Structure formats: C-alpha cells, structure tokens
Amino acid sequence: MASGKNFSKTISKKELSLLLPKIDSIFESEPAVFRTDIVDGFLKTNNLKRIVRGHTALMNGWEWWFDGKLLSLFSCPDYVGLKNDGAFALLGKGELKLFVLENQ
C-alpha cells in the first residue's frame, strides 16, 4: 500500500477553469483536470513510466496526453447515444495494444 495522505477538496467551476491544461470529456460540465507537473510527480513517486486511466468519455475511445505519459480510455461505444467509439488496451510482454470498438 502506498504511503501518504488522502486529500479531497471541493472546488468551484471558476477554480477548476484555472487549472490548465485540462482534458475535456464530451460532457463539457464534467472535465477531468490534470497538469504536467502532477503527472510527472506521480510517475516519479511511484516509479512508473505511464498512467492508463478510464472514465472520461472520448469521441475516439482513447487519447494520449502529456507526451505519451497518460492514456485515457473509454470502453463504451455510442455511450448514451453520443456516437463515440470505445476502446480498451491489453498489456503484455512490455507492449501495450489498443483496440477500438467502433460506433455502429
């Protein structure tokens, strides 16, 4: 288990808009916010090379951020009728393979 304290704070939309860059989902009211320094610090602290995360609806089902350090995936094609693709990844033998589930 990683050491450290959990931290949670509710922030306003105005405060949220000041944290740049931001990764917008296809729902403009629910952005996920990451910053290069936070991603780099997390990777260094945890001795990792990349982060793979999910939950943000993306039109292509996936997207790389921060020079390939963070991969966002969304596995549900045509989520609530949005006509987006879905994607998933498999990691094996040091290789990450992306698979896209095209919207029909």
C-alpha atoms as a PDB file:
ATOM      1  CA  MET A   1       0.000   0.000   0.000  1.00  0.00           C
ATOM      2  CA  ALA A   2       1.333   3.425  -0.927  1.00  0.00           C
ATOM      3  CA  SER A   3       2.151   5.803   1.865  1.00  0.00           C
ATOM      4  CA  GLY A   4       0.770   9.303   2.017  1.00  0.00           C
ATOM      5  CA  LYS A   5      -2.373  11.111   2.979  1.00  0.00           C
ATOM      6  CA  ASN A   6      -5.597  11.207   1.025  1.00  0.00           C
ATOM      7  CA  PHE A   7      -6.703  14.702   0.107  1.00  0.00           C
ATOM      8  CA  SER A   8     -10.066  15.803  -1.165  1.00  0.00           C
ATOM      9  CA  LYS A   9     -11.345  19.307  -1.736  1.00  0.00           C
ATOM     10  CA  THR A  10     -14.432  20.575  -3.490  1.00  0.00           C
ATOM     11  CA  ILE A  11     -13.573  23.418  -5.841  1.00  0.00           C
ATOM     12  CA  SER A  12     -15.729  25.807  -7.814  1.00  0.00           C
ATOM     13  CA  LYS A  13     -16.002  25.829 -11.614  1.00  0.00           C
ATOM     14  CA  LYS A  14     -14.004  29.077 -11.611  1.00  0.00           C
ATOM     15  CA  GLU A  15     -11.163  27.449  -9.638  1.00  0.00           C
ATOM     16  CA  LEU A  16     -11.359  24.429 -11.924  1.00  0.00           C
ATOM     17  CA  SER A  17     -11.031  26.613 -15.028  1.00  0.00           C
ATOM     18  CA  LEU A  18      -7.732  27.999 -13.671  1.00  0.00           C
ATOM     19  CA  LEU A  19      -6.086  24.547 -13.625  1.00  0.00           C
ATOM     20  CA  LEU A  20      -4.582  24.145 -17.061  1.00  0.00           C
ATOM     21  CA  PRO A  21      -4.213  22.191 -19.229  1.00  0.00           C
ATOM     22  CA  LYS A  22      -7.445  20.338 -18.857  1.00  0.00           C
ATOM     23  CA  ILE A  23      -8.719  17.187 -20.501  1.00  0.00           C
ATOM     24  CA  ASP A  24     -12.309  17.721 -21.510  1.00  0.00           C
ATOM     25  CA  SER A  25     -14.708  14.864 -21.822  1.00  0.00           C
ATOM     26  CA  ILE A  26     -17.513  15.091 -24.349  1.00  0.00           C
ATOM     27  CA  PHE A  27     -19.571  16.339 -21.412  1.00  0.00           C
ATOM     28  CA  GLU A  28     -18.357  19.915 -21.037  1.00  0.00           C
ATOM     29  CA  SER A  29     -19.714  20.165 -17.497  1.00  0.00           C
ATOM     30  CA  GLU A  30     -17.533  17.324 -16.183  1.00  0.00           C
ATOM     31  CA  PRO A  31     -13.888  17.908 -17.142  1.00  0.00           C
ATOM     32  CA  ALA A  32     -11.096  15.835 -15.689  1.00  0.00           C
ATOM     33  CA  VAL A  33      -8.146  18.067 -14.880  1.00  0.00           C
ATOM     34  CA  PHE A  34      -4.514  17.021 -14.994  1.00  0.00           C
ATOM     35  CA  ARG A  35      -1.332  19.055 -15.073  1.00  0.00           C
ATOM     36  CA  THR A  36       2.054  18.024 -16.427  1.00  0.00           C
ATOM     37  CA  ASP A  37       3.776  18.573 -13.077  1.00  0.00           C
ATOM     38  CA  ILE A  38       1.209  16.409 -11.250  1.00  0.00           C
ATOM     39  CA  VAL A  39       1.507  13.579 -13.796  1.00  0.00           C
ATOM     40  CA  ASP A  40       5.319  13.737 -13.737  1.00  0.00           C
ATOM     41  CA  GLY A  41       5.388  13.817  -9.933  1.00  0.00           C
ATOM     42  CA  PHE A  42       3.021  10.849  -9.639  1.00  0.00           C
ATOM     43  CA  LEU A  43       5.087   8.808 -12.100  1.00  0.00           C
ATOM     44  CA  LYS A  44       8.347   9.625 -10.309  1.00  0.00           C
ATOM     45  CA  THR A  45       6.963   9.000  -6.805  1.00  0.00           C
ATOM     46  CA  ASN A  46       5.545   5.632  -7.829  1.00  0.00           C
ATOM     47  CA  ASN A  47       8.438   4.596 -10.096  1.00  0.00           C
ATOM     48  CA  LEU A  48       6.139   4.325 -13.130  1.00  0.00           C
ATOM     49  CA  LYS A  49       6.536   5.193 -16.803  1.00  0.00           C
ATOM     50  CA  ARG A  50       2.898   5.686 -17.800  1.00  0.00           C
ATOM     51  CA  ILE A  51      -0.624   6.021 -16.437  1.00  0.00           C
ATOM     52  CA  VAL A  52      -3.639   4.333 -18.017  1.00  0.00           C
ATOM     53  CA  ARG A  53      -6.946   5.719 -16.812  1.00  0.00           C
ATOM     54  CA  GLY A  54     -10.593   5.421 -17.712  1.00  0.00           C
ATOM     55  CA  HIS A  55     -13.944   7.041 -17.153  1.00  0.00           C
ATOM     56  CA  THR A  56     -13.781  10.155 -19.371  1.00  0.00           C
ATOM     57  CA  ALA A  57     -15.979   9.736 -22.454  1.00  0.00           C
ATOM     58  CA  LEU A  58     -13.835  10.393 -25.540  1.00  0.00           C
ATOM     59  CA  MET A  59     -15.068  10.542 -29.133  1.00  0.00           C
ATOM     60  CA  ASN A  60     -12.302   8.202 -30.376  1.00  0.00           C
ATOM     61  CA  GLY A  61     -12.445   5.978 -27.291  1.00  0.00           C
ATOM     62  CA  TRP A  62      -8.834   6.794 -26.360  1.00  0.00           C
ATOM     63  CA  GLU A  63      -6.296   9.597 -26.314  1.00  0.00           C
ATOM     64  CA  TRP A  64      -2.658  10.032 -25.263  1.00  0.00           C
ATOM     65  CA  TRP A  65      -1.725  13.073 -23.179  1.00  0.00           C
ATOM     66  CA  PHE A  66       1.482  14.627 -21.836  1.00  0.00           C
ATOM     67  CA  ASP A  67       3.863  13.244 -24.454  1.00  0.00           C
ATOM     68  CA  GLY A  68       2.562   9.691 -24.112  1.00  0.00           C
ATOM     69  CA  LYS A  69       2.710   9.570 -20.315  1.00  0.00           C
ATOM     70  CA  LEU A  70      -1.059   9.339 -19.731  1.00  0.00           C
ATOM     71  CA  LEU A  71      -3.522   7.249 -21.737  1.00  0.00           C
ATOM     72  CA  SER A  72      -7.247   7.878 -21.290  1.00  0.00           C
ATOM     73  CA  LEU A  73      -9.610   5.078 -22.322  1.00  0.00           C
ATOM     74  CA  PHE A  74     -13.389   4.897 -22.575  1.00  0.00           C
ATOM     75  CA  SER A  75     -14.693   1.445 -23.417  1.00  0.00           C
ATOM     76  CA  CYS A  76     -18.370   2.092 -24.159  1.00  0.00           C
ATOM     77  CA  PRO A  77     -19.169   2.828 -27.832  1.00  0.00           C
ATOM     78  CA  ASP A  78     -22.222   5.025 -28.512  1.00  0.00           C
ATOM     79  CA  TYR A  79     -22.431   5.981 -24.853  1.00  0.00           C
ATOM     80  CA  VAL A  80     -25.947   7.295 -24.200  1.00  0.00           C
ATOM     81  CA  GLY A  81     -26.362   7.910 -27.944  1.00  0.00           C
ATOM     82  CA  LEU A  82     -23.284  10.119 -28.356  1.00  0.00           C
ATOM     83  CA  LYS A  83     -21.969   8.113 -31.330  1.00  0.00           C
ATOM     84  CA  ASN A  84     -18.473   7.852 -29.806  1.00  0.00           C
ATOM     85  CA  ASP A  85     -16.101   4.929 -30.293  1.00  0.00           C
ATOM     86  CA  GLY A  86     -14.991   2.800 -27.366  1.00  0.00           C
ATOM     87  CA  ALA A  87     -11.507   1.431 -26.716  1.00  0.00           C
ATOM     88  CA  PHE A  88      -9.609  -0.945 -24.488  1.00  0.00           C
ATOM     89  CA  ALA A  89      -5.961  -1.858 -24.074  1.00  0.00           C
ATOM     90  CA  LEU A  90      -4.035  -5.036 -23.374  1.00  0.00           C
ATOM     91  CA  LEU A  91      -0.585  -5.004 -21.838  1.00  0.00           C
ATOM     92  CA  GLY A  92       1.660  -7.994 -22.333  1.00  0.00           C
ATOM     93  CA  LYS A  93       5.351  -8.674 -22.851  1.00  0.00           C
ATOM     94  CA  GLY A  94       6.151  -4.984 -22.427  1.00  0.00           C
ATOM     95  CA  GLU A  95       3.791  -3.945 -25.215  1.00  0.00           C
ATOM     96  CA  LEU A  96       0.541  -2.001 -24.961  1.00  0.00           C
ATOM     97  CA  LYS A  97      -2.020  -2.808 -27.666  1.00  0.00           C
ATOM     98  CA  LEU A  98      -5.035  -0.565 -28.236  1.00  0.00           C
ATOM     99  CA  PHE A  99      -8.301  -1.925 -29.612  1.00  0.00           C
ATOM    100  CA  VAL A 100     -11.098   0.351 -30.855  1.00  0.00           C
ATOM    101  CA  LEU A 101     -14.777  -0.584 -30.705  1.00  0.00           C
ATOM    102  CA  GLU A 102     -16.244   1.500 -33.491  1.00  0.00           C
ATOM    103  CA  ASN A 103     -19.658   3.059 -33.119  1.00  0.00           C
ATOM    104  CA  GLN A 104     -22.078   1.255 -35.410  1.00  0.00           C
END
